[in-house]
Amino acid sequence: MMVKNIKELEKRYMDKIWSVISSDEFIQDLKKIELYIQKNYIFLDENWDEKNKIKVGAERLIRFHIYKNFNVINVYPSPISADMAVEMEDVLLNIDAKTIDMVGNPGDDTAIHFQKNQITFNNDAFFKQKVNGHQFAGITFPARLESFYKTKPVLTFFVTVNYFDDSNLKSFRLSHLSLCCVPHDLVVEEDYDNKIISNFKTHEYIGKVKAEIIGKIYLPKNKISKNWIPFSIKGTGVHDAYLDPNLDHPFIPKSKSVWKKIGGTYSILTYGGSARIDKTMITNRYDSKGKTWIGFRKKEIF
């Protein structure tokens, strides 16, 4: 399928999903969840293990309204996917539900946070460099979600519900909701030159269990080896990692392993663990004719 077709499909499904989640019916159902939490706040606080009281309800509500309003023909069989992954006539639709507490994490609202199973694109590596003549491949974030399923493009969307939860006052209220389309692999390549990720929220390392599977040479170490080369991953001049010239990267060909001190021991850095895209990066999108459309939309909840 041509990238221009994918652009049109992303634009079309952005409009369709937004028409559902911004509808009066959806908002009223969301307000019912808000009211339930308000009336049962103390009970939920004492009996629900997570502080996030709306996450499960929001996921259920999004799933319910998508099935109600879309012509879903099948479910996606792979567990490597978003919260909701369904097959449509022309696309494989992935929709993730996000919730942000504006009391505890207001800064999270400036970006979309995601895992490898929620995207189809491969961003260029961060901090790729030579260290004393040895290749460090940089920090990569390989997509785990396939780009196409049965020749249909796999599209990814994020619905975010923002709320205020003040545990001191035992109060809860909704703030706003938003929808964004994270571009398909081919769109990221054409429109973003494979540079769409802003930064990483977390990183992945090889722990004891993983090392026992792939090779004991990758087991965490208690001290620095004499042959390790100290360097700065981000190029700041402050040494925060060690390149091992005698140990190949376990997953990336022609690259050496890098050790970092994590939790008192030195472990091998493999990939970015979770990543962010600034919402400003995906707000102004372009269709097949080069016309702008909005890839991030927001609605206040009163």
C-alpha atoms as a PDB file:
ATOM      1  CA  MET A   1       0.000   0.000   0.000  1.00  0.00           C
ATOM      2  CA  MET A   2       1.209   3.494  -0.851  1.00  0.00           C
ATOM      3  CA  VAL A   3       2.022   5.910   1.965  1.00  0.00           C
ATOM      4  CA  LYS A   4      -0.513   8.400   0.572  1.00  0.00           C
ATOM      5  CA  ASN A   5      -3.280   5.860   1.168  1.00  0.00           C
ATOM      6  CA  ILE A   6      -2.145   5.356   4.751  1.00  0.00           C
ATOM      7  CA  LYS A   7      -2.196   9.112   5.341  1.00  0.00           C
ATOM      8  CA  GLU A   8      -5.804   9.268   4.178  1.00  0.00           C
ATOM      9  CA  LEU A   9      -6.772   6.325   6.379  1.00  0.00           C
ATOM     10  CA  GLU A  10      -5.132   7.907   9.440  1.00  0.00           C
ATOM     11  CA  LYS A  11      -7.002  11.137   8.789  1.00  0.00           C
ATOM     12  CA  ARG A  12     -10.317   9.339   8.254  1.00  0.00           C
ATOM     13  CA  TYR A  13     -10.053   7.213  11.414  1.00  0.00           C
ATOM     14  CA  MET A  14      -8.945  10.225  13.446  1.00  0.00           C
ATOM     15  CA  ASP A  15     -12.223  11.891  12.476  1.00  0.00           C
ATOM     16  CA  LYS A  16     -14.269   8.753  13.148  1.00  0.00           C
ATOM     17  CA  ILE A  17     -12.784   8.050  16.582  1.00  0.00           C
ATOM     18  CA  TRP A  18     -13.024  11.695  17.598  1.00  0.00           C
ATOM     19  CA  SER A  19     -16.687  11.823  16.604  1.00  0.00           C
ATOM     20  CA  VAL A  20     -17.309   8.965  19.028  1.00  0.00           C
ATOM     21  CA  ILE A  21     -15.266  10.021  22.060  1.00  0.00           C
ATOM     22  CA  SER A  22     -16.210  13.710  21.831  1.00  0.00           C
ATOM     23  CA  SER A  23     -19.922  12.920  21.521  1.00  0.00           C
ATOM     24  CA  ASP A  24     -22.399  13.876  24.223  1.00  0.00           C
ATOM     25  CA  GLU A  25     -23.191  10.207  24.771  1.00  0.00           C
ATOM     26  CA  PHE A  26     -19.563   9.286  25.462  1.00  0.00           C
ATOM     27  CA  ILE A  27     -19.007  12.306  27.729  1.00  0.00           C
ATOM     28  CA  GLN A  28     -22.146  11.516  29.717  1.00  0.00           C
ATOM     29  CA  ASP A  29     -20.986   7.923  30.209  1.00  0.00           C
ATOM     30  CA  LEU A  30     -17.614   9.218  31.324  1.00  0.00           C
ATOM     31  CA  LYS A  31     -19.337  11.543  33.775  1.00  0.00           C
ATOM     32  CA  LYS A  32     -21.193   8.541  35.214  1.00  0.00           C
ATOM     33  CA  ILE A  33     -17.826   6.951  36.008  1.00  0.00           C
ATOM     34  CA  GLU A  34     -16.737  10.234  37.601  1.00  0.00           C
ATOM     35  CA  LEU A  35     -19.876  10.290  39.764  1.00  0.00           C
ATOM     36  CA  TYR A  36     -19.377   6.664  40.832  1.00  0.00           C
ATOM     37  CA  ILE A  37     -15.793   7.375  41.903  1.00  0.00           C
ATOM     38  CA  GLN A  38     -16.881  10.494  43.810  1.00  0.00           C
ATOM     39  CA  LYS A  39     -19.604   8.609  45.694  1.00  0.00           C
ATOM     40  CA  ASN A  40     -17.365   5.624  46.443  1.00  0.00           C
ATOM     41  CA  TYR A  41     -14.036   7.418  46.860  1.00  0.00           C
ATOM     42  CA  ILE A  42     -13.184   6.180  50.354  1.00  0.00           C
ATOM     43  CA  PHE A  43     -14.201   2.592  49.558  1.00  0.00           C
ATOM     44  CA  LEU A  44     -12.069   2.567  46.391  1.00  0.00           C
ATOM     45  CA  ASP A  45      -9.172   4.200  48.244  1.00  0.00           C
ATOM     46  CA  GLU A  46      -9.206   1.448  50.829  1.00  0.00           C
ATOM     47  CA  ASN A  47      -9.904  -1.537  48.587  1.00  0.00           C
ATOM     48  CA  TRP A  48      -8.327  -0.762  45.183  1.00  0.00           C
ATOM     49  CA  ASP A  49      -4.585  -1.404  45.042  1.00  0.00           C
ATOM     50  CA  GLU A  50      -3.897   1.405  42.562  1.00  0.00           C
ATOM     51  CA  LYS A  51      -4.326   5.133  43.108  1.00  0.00           C
ATOM     52  CA  ASN A  52      -5.634   5.421  39.523  1.00  0.00           C
ATOM     53  CA  LYS A  53      -9.340   4.837  40.005  1.00  0.00           C
ATOM     54  CA  ILE A  54     -10.491   5.610  36.461  1.00  0.00           C
ATOM     55  CA  LYS A  55      -8.088   3.628  34.271  1.00  0.00           C
ATOM     56  CA  VAL A  56     -10.125   0.415  34.085  1.00  0.00           C
ATOM     57  CA  GLY A  57     -13.434   2.210  33.629  1.00  0.00           C
ATOM     58  CA  ALA A  58     -12.009   4.408  30.860  1.00  0.00           C
ATOM     59  CA  GLU A  59     -10.634   1.382  29.006  1.00  0.00           C
ATOM     60  CA  ARG A  60     -13.986  -0.390  29.232  1.00  0.00           C
ATOM     61  CA  LEU A  61     -15.878   2.676  28.059  1.00  0.00           C
ATOM     62  CA  ILE A  62     -13.656   3.250  25.026  1.00  0.00           C
ATOM     63  CA  ARG A  63     -13.910  -0.405  24.060  1.00  0.00           C
ATOM     64  CA  PHE A  64     -17.692  -0.385  24.440  1.00  0.00           C
ATOM     65  CA  HIS A  65     -18.221   2.711  22.288  1.00  0.00           C
ATOM     66  CA  ILE A  66     -15.837   1.580  19.545  1.00  0.00           C
ATOM     67  CA  TYR A  67     -17.597  -1.773  19.231  1.00  0.00           C
ATOM     68  CA  LYS A  68     -20.937   0.011  19.275  1.00  0.00           C
ATOM     69  CA  ASN A  69     -20.113   2.553  16.573  1.00  0.00           C
ATOM     70  CA  PHE A  70     -17.591   0.787  14.310  1.00  0.00           C
ATOM     71  CA  ASN A  71     -17.993  -2.099  11.932  1.00  0.00           C
ATOM     72  CA  VAL A  72     -15.489  -4.437  13.610  1.00  0.00           C
ATOM     73  CA  ILE A  73     -15.021  -7.642  11.646  1.00  0.00           C
ATOM     74  CA  ASN A  74     -12.544  -9.441  13.922  1.00  0.00           C
ATOM     75  CA  VAL A  75     -10.103  -9.104  16.792  1.00  0.00           C
ATOM     76  CA  TYR A  76      -6.337  -8.945  16.390  1.00  0.00           C
ATOM     77  CA  PRO A  77      -4.909 -12.304  17.551  1.00  0.00           C
ATOM     78  CA  SER A  78      -1.506 -11.068  18.703  1.00  0.00           C
ATOM     79  CA  PRO A  79      -1.010 -10.076  22.366  1.00  0.00           C
ATOM     80  CA  ILE A  80       1.616  -7.575  21.158  1.00  0.00           C
ATOM     81  CA  SER A  81      -0.751  -4.690  20.629  1.00  0.00           C
ATOM     82  CA  ALA A  82      -2.656  -1.832  22.223  1.00  0.00           C
ATOM     83  CA  ASP A  83      -5.396  -2.163  24.859  1.00  0.00           C
ATOM     84  CA  MET A  84      -7.833  -2.576  21.991  1.00  0.00           C
ATOM     85  CA  ALA A  85      -6.814  -4.058  18.648  1.00  0.00           C
ATOM     86  CA  VAL A  86      -9.510  -4.845  16.101  1.00  0.00           C
ATOM     87  CA  GLU A  87      -9.675  -5.592  12.412  1.00  0.00           C
ATOM     88  CA  MET A  88     -11.714  -3.309  10.217  1.00  0.00           C
ATOM     89  CA  GLU A  89     -12.489  -3.632   6.525  1.00  0.00           C
ATOM     90  CA  ASP A  90      -9.486  -1.514   5.553  1.00  0.00           C
ATOM     91  CA  VAL A  91      -7.183  -1.251   8.602  1.00  0.00           C
ATOM     92  CA  LEU A  92      -6.045  -2.961  11.794  1.00  0.00           C
ATOM     93  CA  LEU A  93      -7.038  -0.436  14.441  1.00  0.00           C
ATOM     94  CA  ASN A  94      -5.053  -0.109  17.685  1.00  0.00           C
ATOM     95  CA  ILE A  95      -6.447   2.168  20.394  1.00  0.00           C
ATOM     96  CA  ASP A  96      -4.731   2.684  23.720  1.00  0.00           C
ATOM     97  CA  ALA A  97      -6.362   4.299  26.728  1.00  0.00           C
ATOM     98  CA  LYS A  98      -4.207   6.652  28.796  1.00  0.00           C
ATOM     99  CA  THR A  99      -5.120   8.384  32.036  1.00  0.00           C
ATOM    100  CA  ILE A 100      -3.207  11.255  33.651  1.00  0.00           C
ATOM    101  CA  ASP A 101      -3.626  12.582  37.178  1.00  0.00           C
ATOM    102  CA  MET A 102      -3.241  16.348  36.923  1.00  0.00           C
ATOM    103  CA  VAL A 103      -2.506  16.522  40.658  1.00  0.00           C
ATOM    104  CA  GLY A 104       0.409  14.108  40.707  1.00  0.00           C
ATOM    105  CA  ASN A 105       1.665  14.078  37.099  1.00  0.00           C
ATOM    106  CA  PRO A 106       0.648  17.251  35.250  1.00  0.00           C
ATOM    107  CA  GLY A 107       3.910  17.249  33.268  1.00  0.00           C
ATOM    108  CA  ASP A 108       2.917  14.003  31.559  1.00  0.00           C
ATOM    109  CA  ASP A 109       0.230  15.841  29.603  1.00  0.00           C
ATOM    110  CA  THR A 110       2.709  17.433  27.187  1.00  0.00           C
ATOM    111  CA  ALA A 111       3.665  14.141  25.531  1.00  0.00           C
ATOM    112  CA  ILE A 112       2.406  10.725  24.513  1.00  0.00           C
ATOM    113  CA  HIS A 113       4.060   7.914  26.482  1.00  0.00           C
ATOM    114  CA  PHE A 114       4.244   4.469  24.897  1.00  0.00           C
ATOM    115  CA  GLN A 115       5.890   1.059  24.768  1.00  0.00           C
ATOM    116  CA  LYS A 116       7.303  -0.862  21.810  1.00  0.00           C
ATOM    117  CA  ASN A 117       4.097  -2.870  21.435  1.00  0.00           C
ATOM    118  CA  GLN A 118       2.152   0.334  20.729  1.00  0.00           C
ATOM    119  CA  ILE A 119       3.964   1.617  17.617  1.00  0.00           C
ATOM    120  CA  THR A 120       4.903   0.401  14.132  1.00  0.00           C
ATOM    121  CA  PHE A 121       7.866   2.692  13.369  1.00  0.00           C
ATOM    122  CA  ASN A 122      11.592   2.456  14.128  1.00  0.00           C
ATOM    123  CA  ASN A 123      13.056   5.776  15.209  1.00  0.00           C
ATOM    124  CA  ASP A 124      16.690   6.608  14.481  1.00  0.00           C
ATOM    125  CA  ALA A 125      19.023   5.624  17.316  1.00  0.00           C
ATOM    126  CA  PHE A 126      19.868   8.175  19.987  1.00  0.00           C
ATOM    127  CA  PHE A 127      23.515   8.920  20.881  1.00  0.00           C
ATOM    128  CA  LYS A 128      25.114   6.646  18.286  1.00  0.00           C
ATOM    129  CA  GLN A 129      28.906   7.114  18.431  1.00  0.00           C
ATOM    130  CA  LYS A 130      32.391   5.653  18.298  1.00  0.00           C
ATOM    131  CA  VAL A 131      34.114   5.029  21.624  1.00  0.00           C
ATOM    132  CA  ASN A 132      37.876   4.643  21.265  1.00  0.00           C
ATOM    133  CA  GLY A 133      37.294   3.175  17.807  1.00  0.00           C
ATOM    134  CA  HIS A 134      34.517   0.812  18.952  1.00  0.00           C
ATOM    135  CA  GLN A 135      30.949   1.165  17.706  1.00  0.00           C
ATOM    136  CA  PHE A 136      28.163   2.026  20.136  1.00  0.00           C
ATOM    137  CA  ALA A 137      24.897   1.574  18.207  1.00  0.00           C
ATOM    138  CA  GLY A 138      23.161   4.117  20.382  1.00  0.00           C
ATOM    139  CA  ILE A 139      19.868   3.637  22.167  1.00  0.00           C
ATOM    140  CA  THR A 140      17.219   2.210  19.894  1.00  0.00           C
ATOM    141  CA  PHE A 141      13.515   1.539  20.316  1.00  0.00           C
ATOM    142  CA  PRO A 142      12.536  -1.290  17.966  1.00  0.00           C
ATOM    143  CA  ALA A 143       8.826  -1.465  17.242  1.00  0.00           C
ATOM    144  CA  ARG A 144       7.117  -4.716  18.203  1.00  0.00           C
ATOM    145  CA  LEU A 145       3.813  -3.966  16.491  1.00  0.00           C
ATOM    146  CA  GLU A 146       3.779  -5.030  12.850  1.00  0.00           C
ATOM    147  CA  SER A 147       3.219  -2.382  10.189  1.00  0.00           C
ATOM    148  CA  PHE A 148       0.713  -4.422   8.181  1.00  0.00           C
ATOM    149  CA  TYR A 149      -1.730  -7.192   8.994  1.00  0.00           C
ATOM    150  CA  LYS A 150      -3.235  -9.116   6.065  1.00  0.00           C
ATOM    151  CA  THR A 151      -1.990  -6.285   3.817  1.00  0.00           C
ATOM    152  CA  LYS A 152      -3.961  -3.780   5.930  1.00  0.00           C
ATOM    153  CA  PRO A 153      -2.007  -0.954   7.583  1.00  0.00           C
ATOM    154  CA  VAL A 154      -1.833  -1.081  11.372  1.00  0.00           C
ATOM    155  CA  LEU A 155      -2.926   2.316  12.715  1.00  0.00           C
ATOM    156  CA  THR A 156      -2.309   3.501  16.273  1.00  0.00           C
ATOM    157  CA  PHE A 157      -4.323   5.979  18.331  1.00  0.00           C
ATOM    158  CA  PHE A 158      -4.210   7.130  21.947  1.00  0.00           C
ATOM    159  CA  VAL A 159      -7.220   8.324  23.920  1.00  0.00           C
ATOM    160  CA  THR A 160      -6.210  10.162  27.087  1.00  0.00           C
ATOM    161  CA  VAL A 161      -8.510  10.993  29.985  1.00  0.00           C
ATOM    162  CA  ASN A 162      -7.158  13.623  32.379  1.00  0.00           C
ATOM    163  CA  TYR A 163      -8.443  14.019  35.915  1.00  0.00           C
ATOM    164  CA  PHE A 164      -7.739  15.562  39.325  1.00  0.00           C
ATOM    165  CA  ASP A 165      -7.445  13.124  42.234  1.00  0.00           C
ATOM    166  CA  ASP A 166      -6.601  14.789  45.543  1.00  0.00           C
ATOM    167  CA  SER A 167      -6.148  12.034  48.134  1.00  0.00           C
ATOM    168  CA  ASN A 168      -5.829  14.580  50.940  1.00  0.00           C
ATOM    169  CA  LEU A 169      -9.240  16.078  50.216  1.00  0.00           C
ATOM    170  CA  LYS A 170     -10.696  12.731  49.047  1.00  0.00           C
ATOM    171  CA  SER A 171     -11.879  14.450  45.892  1.00  0.00           C
ATOM    172  CA  PHE A 172     -12.012  13.381  42.251  1.00  0.00           C
ATOM    173  CA  ARG A 173     -13.073  15.207  39.100  1.00  0.00           C
ATOM    174  CA  LEU A 174     -12.515  14.946  35.374  1.00  0.00           C
ATOM    175  CA  SER A 175     -10.483  17.582  33.533  1.00  0.00           C
ATOM    176  CA  HIS A 176     -10.345  16.897  29.790  1.00  0.00           C
ATOM    177  CA  LEU A 177      -9.869  14.185  27.201  1.00  0.00           C
ATOM    178  CA  SER A 178      -7.798  14.054  24.045  1.00  0.00           C
ATOM    179  CA  LEU A 179      -7.087  11.924  21.006  1.00  0.00           C
ATOM    180  CA  CYS A 180      -3.901  11.630  19.015  1.00  0.00           C
ATOM    181  CA  CYS A 181      -2.783   9.598  16.037  1.00  0.00           C
ATOM    182  CA  VAL A 182       0.767   8.272  16.254  1.00  0.00           C
ATOM    183  CA  PRO A 183       1.941   7.983  12.636  1.00  0.00           C
ATOM    184  CA  HIS A 184       2.395   4.717  10.803  1.00  0.00           C
ATOM    185  CA  ASP A 185       5.891   3.437  10.024  1.00  0.00           C
ATOM    186  CA  LEU A 186       5.833   4.649   6.392  1.00  0.00           C
ATOM    187  CA  VAL A 187       4.491   8.054   7.407  1.00  0.00           C
ATOM    188  CA  VAL A 188       7.223   8.490  10.026  1.00  0.00           C
ATOM    189  CA  GLU A 189       9.798   7.672   7.382  1.00  0.00           C
ATOM    190  CA  GLU A 190       8.403  10.115   4.815  1.00  0.00           C
ATOM    191  CA  ASP A 191       7.270  13.028   6.995  1.00  0.00           C
ATOM    192  CA  TYR A 192       9.578  12.782  10.013  1.00  0.00           C
ATOM    193  CA  ASP A 193      12.733  11.222   8.565  1.00  0.00           C
ATOM    194  CA  ASN A 194      12.496   8.573  11.313  1.00  0.00           C
ATOM    195  CA  LYS A 195      13.036  11.225  13.988  1.00  0.00           C
ATOM    196  CA  ILE A 196       9.768  11.517  15.885  1.00  0.00           C
ATOM    197  CA  ILE A 197      10.599  10.286  19.410  1.00  0.00           C
ATOM    198  CA  SER A 198      11.455  13.148  21.760  1.00  0.00           C
ATOM    199  CA  ASN A 199      13.210  11.120  24.455  1.00  0.00           C
ATOM    200  CA  PHE A 200      13.031   8.009  26.579  1.00  0.00           C
ATOM    201  CA  LYS A 201      11.178   7.777  29.875  1.00  0.00           C
ATOM    202  CA  THR A 202      12.849   4.506  30.891  1.00  0.00           C
ATOM    203  CA  HIS A 203      15.536   2.138  29.591  1.00  0.00           C
ATOM    204  CA  GLU A 204      15.839  -1.640  29.343  1.00  0.00           C
ATOM    205  CA  TYR A 205      18.672  -3.636  30.883  1.00  0.00           C
ATOM    206  CA  ILE A 206      19.599  -7.295  31.021  1.00  0.00           C
ATOM    207  CA  GLY A 207      18.814  -8.701  34.448  1.00  0.00           C
ATOM    208  CA  LYS A 208      19.815 -12.012  35.948  1.00  0.00           C
ATOM    209  CA  VAL A 209      16.839 -13.965  34.590  1.00  0.00           C
ATOM    210  CA  LYS A 210      17.305 -12.718  31.017  1.00  0.00           C
ATOM    211  CA  ALA A 211      21.057 -13.339  31.142  1.00  0.00           C
ATOM    212  CA  GLU A 212      20.511 -16.933  32.226  1.00  0.00           C
ATOM    213  CA  ILE A 213      18.540 -17.406  28.999  1.00  0.00           C
ATOM    214  CA  ILE A 214      20.684 -15.590  26.435  1.00  0.00           C
ATOM    215  CA  GLY A 215      24.125 -16.180  27.971  1.00  0.00           C
ATOM    216  CA  LYS A 216      25.808 -15.886  31.359  1.00  0.00           C
ATOM    217  CA  ILE A 217      28.399 -13.501  29.955  1.00  0.00           C
ATOM    218  CA  TYR A 218      25.635 -10.899  30.132  1.00  0.00           C
ATOM    219  CA  LEU A 219      24.986 -11.366  33.860  1.00  0.00           C
ATOM    220  CA  PRO A 220      25.081  -8.151  35.940  1.00  0.00           C
ATOM    221  CA  LYS A 221      28.485  -7.415  37.496  1.00  0.00           C
ATOM    222  CA  ASN A 222      29.359  -6.135  40.957  1.00  0.00           C
ATOM    223  CA  LYS A 223      32.390  -4.131  39.867  1.00  0.00           C
ATOM    224  CA  ILE A 224      33.945  -2.413  36.867  1.00  0.00           C
ATOM    225  CA  SER A 225      36.171  -4.528  34.617  1.00  0.00           C
ATOM    226  CA  LYS A 226      39.630  -3.171  33.772  1.00  0.00           C
ATOM    227  CA  ASN A 227      38.990  -3.327  30.031  1.00  0.00           C
ATOM    228  CA  TRP A 228      35.749  -1.324  30.094  1.00  0.00           C
ATOM    229  CA  ILE A 229      35.973   2.114  28.497  1.00  0.00           C
ATOM    230  CA  PRO A 230      34.211   4.947  30.361  1.00  0.00           C
ATOM    231  CA  PHE A 231      32.277   7.428  28.217  1.00  0.00           C
ATOM    232  CA  SER A 232      29.329   9.803  28.180  1.00  0.00           C
ATOM    233  CA  ILE A 233      26.268   8.369  26.428  1.00  0.00           C
ATOM    234  CA  LYS A 234      24.733  11.791  25.785  1.00  0.00           C
ATOM    235  CA  GLY A 235      28.070  13.423  24.983  1.00  0.00           C
ATOM    236  CA  THR A 236      27.978  15.769  27.978  1.00  0.00           C
ATOM    237  CA  GLY A 237      31.523  14.897  29.034  1.00  0.00           C
ATOM    238  CA  VAL A 238      30.319  13.268  32.256  1.00  0.00           C
ATOM    239  CA  HIS A 239      31.116   9.549  32.180  1.00  0.00           C
ATOM    240  CA  ASP A 240      27.941   7.618  32.928  1.00  0.00           C
ATOM    241  CA  ALA A 241      28.502   4.322  31.105  1.00  0.00           C
ATOM    242  CA  TYR A 242      31.170   1.816  30.094  1.00  0.00           C
ATOM    243  CA  LEU A 243      31.683   0.267  26.678  1.00  0.00           C
ATOM    244  CA  ASP A 244      32.904  -3.333  26.736  1.00  0.00           C
ATOM    245  CA  PRO A 245      35.242  -3.812  23.731  1.00  0.00           C
ATOM    246  CA  ASN A 246      35.290  -7.589  24.255  1.00  0.00           C
ATOM    247  CA  LEU A 247      31.546  -8.192  24.362  1.00  0.00           C
ATOM    248  CA  ASP A 248      29.189  -7.837  21.395  1.00  0.00           C
ATOM    249  CA  HIS A 249      25.738  -6.383  21.920  1.00  0.00           C
ATOM    250  CA  PRO A 250      23.347  -9.318  22.514  1.00  0.00           C
ATOM    251  CA  PHE A 251      20.787  -8.091  19.960  1.00  0.00           C
ATOM    252  CA  ILE A 252      22.355  -5.461  17.695  1.00  0.00           C
ATOM    253  CA  PRO A 253      24.932  -6.697  15.129  1.00  0.00           C
ATOM    254  CA  LYS A 254      28.294  -4.935  14.790  1.00  0.00           C
ATOM    255  CA  SER A 255      27.902  -3.090  18.068  1.00  0.00           C
ATOM    256  CA  LYS A 256      29.519  -3.505  21.461  1.00  0.00           C
ATOM    257  CA  SER A 257      27.759  -3.877  24.795  1.00  0.00           C
ATOM    258  CA  VAL A 258      27.461  -0.964  27.198  1.00  0.00           C
ATOM    259  CA  TRP A 259      27.310  -1.331  30.991  1.00  0.00           C
ATOM    260  CA  LYS A 260      25.554   1.090  33.338  1.00  0.00           C
ATOM    261  CA  LYS A 261      25.252   1.080  37.110  1.00  0.00           C
ATOM    262  CA  ILE A 262      21.680   0.233  38.032  1.00  0.00           C
ATOM    263  CA  GLY A 263      20.561  -0.605  41.538  1.00  0.00           C
ATOM    264  CA  GLY A 264      24.043  -1.221  42.886  1.00  0.00           C
ATOM    265  CA  THR A 265      25.263  -3.470  40.055  1.00  0.00           C
ATOM    266  CA  TYR A 266      26.408  -2.969  36.482  1.00  0.00           C
ATOM    267  CA  SER A 267      23.952  -4.162  33.834  1.00  0.00           C
ATOM    268  CA  ILE A 268      23.940  -4.121  30.033  1.00  0.00           C
ATOM    269  CA  LEU A 269      21.820  -1.426  28.429  1.00  0.00           C
ATOM    270  CA  THR A 270      19.779  -2.911  25.587  1.00  0.00           C
ATOM    271  CA  TYR A 271      17.037  -0.516  24.416  1.00  0.00           C
ATOM    272  CA  GLY A 272      14.871   2.375  25.406  1.00  0.00           C
ATOM    273  CA  GLY A 273      12.174   0.980  27.701  1.00  0.00           C
ATOM    274  CA  SER A 274       9.374   3.489  27.176  1.00  0.00           C
ATOM    275  CA  ALA A 275       9.401   6.594  25.007  1.00  0.00           C
ATOM    276  CA  ARG A 276       7.753   9.984  24.554  1.00  0.00           C
ATOM    277  CA  ILE A 277       6.549  11.991  21.580  1.00  0.00           C
ATOM    278  CA  ASP A 278       5.804  15.649  22.231  1.00  0.00           C
ATOM    279  CA  LYS A 279       2.222  16.349  21.229  1.00  0.00           C
ATOM    280  CA  THR A 280       3.387  19.353  19.219  1.00  0.00           C
ATOM    281  CA  MET A 281       5.215  16.926  16.911  1.00  0.00           C
ATOM    282  CA  ILE A 282       2.014  15.228  15.798  1.00  0.00           C
ATOM    283  CA  THR A 283      -0.500  18.086  15.961  1.00  0.00           C
ATOM    284  CA  ASN A 284      -0.052  19.326  12.400  1.00  0.00           C
ATOM    285  CA  ARG A 285      -0.200  16.401  10.006  1.00  0.00           C
ATOM    286  CA  TYR A 286      -0.334  16.244   6.203  1.00  0.00           C
ATOM    287  CA  ASP A 287      -2.674  14.267   3.988  1.00  0.00           C
ATOM    288  CA  SER A 288      -1.902  12.794   0.570  1.00  0.00           C
ATOM    289  CA  LYS A 289      -2.373  16.218  -1.081  1.00  0.00           C
ATOM    290  CA  GLY A 290      -0.122  18.040   1.379  1.00  0.00           C
ATOM    291  CA  LYS A 291      -3.018  19.691   3.184  1.00  0.00           C
ATOM    292  CA  THR A 292      -2.812  20.067   6.963  1.00  0.00           C
ATOM    293  CA  TRP A 293      -5.033  18.117   9.307  1.00  0.00           C
ATOM    294  CA  ILE A 294      -4.987  17.979  13.104  1.00  0.00           C
ATOM    295  CA  GLY A 295      -3.469  14.840  14.625  1.00  0.00           C
ATOM    296  CA  PHE A 296      -4.050  15.880  18.235  1.00  0.00           C
ATOM    297  CA  ARG A 297      -7.422  17.033  19.540  1.00  0.00           C
ATOM    298  CA  LYS A 298      -8.588  17.991  23.011  1.00  0.00           C
ATOM    299  CA  LYS A 299     -11.932  18.589  24.734  1.00  0.00           C
ATOM    300  CA  GLU A 300     -12.611  20.012  28.180  1.00  0.00           C
ATOM    301  CA  ILE A 301     -15.015  18.075  30.413  1.00  0.00           C
ATOM    302  CA  PHE A 302     -17.400  20.170  32.490  1.00  0.00           C
END
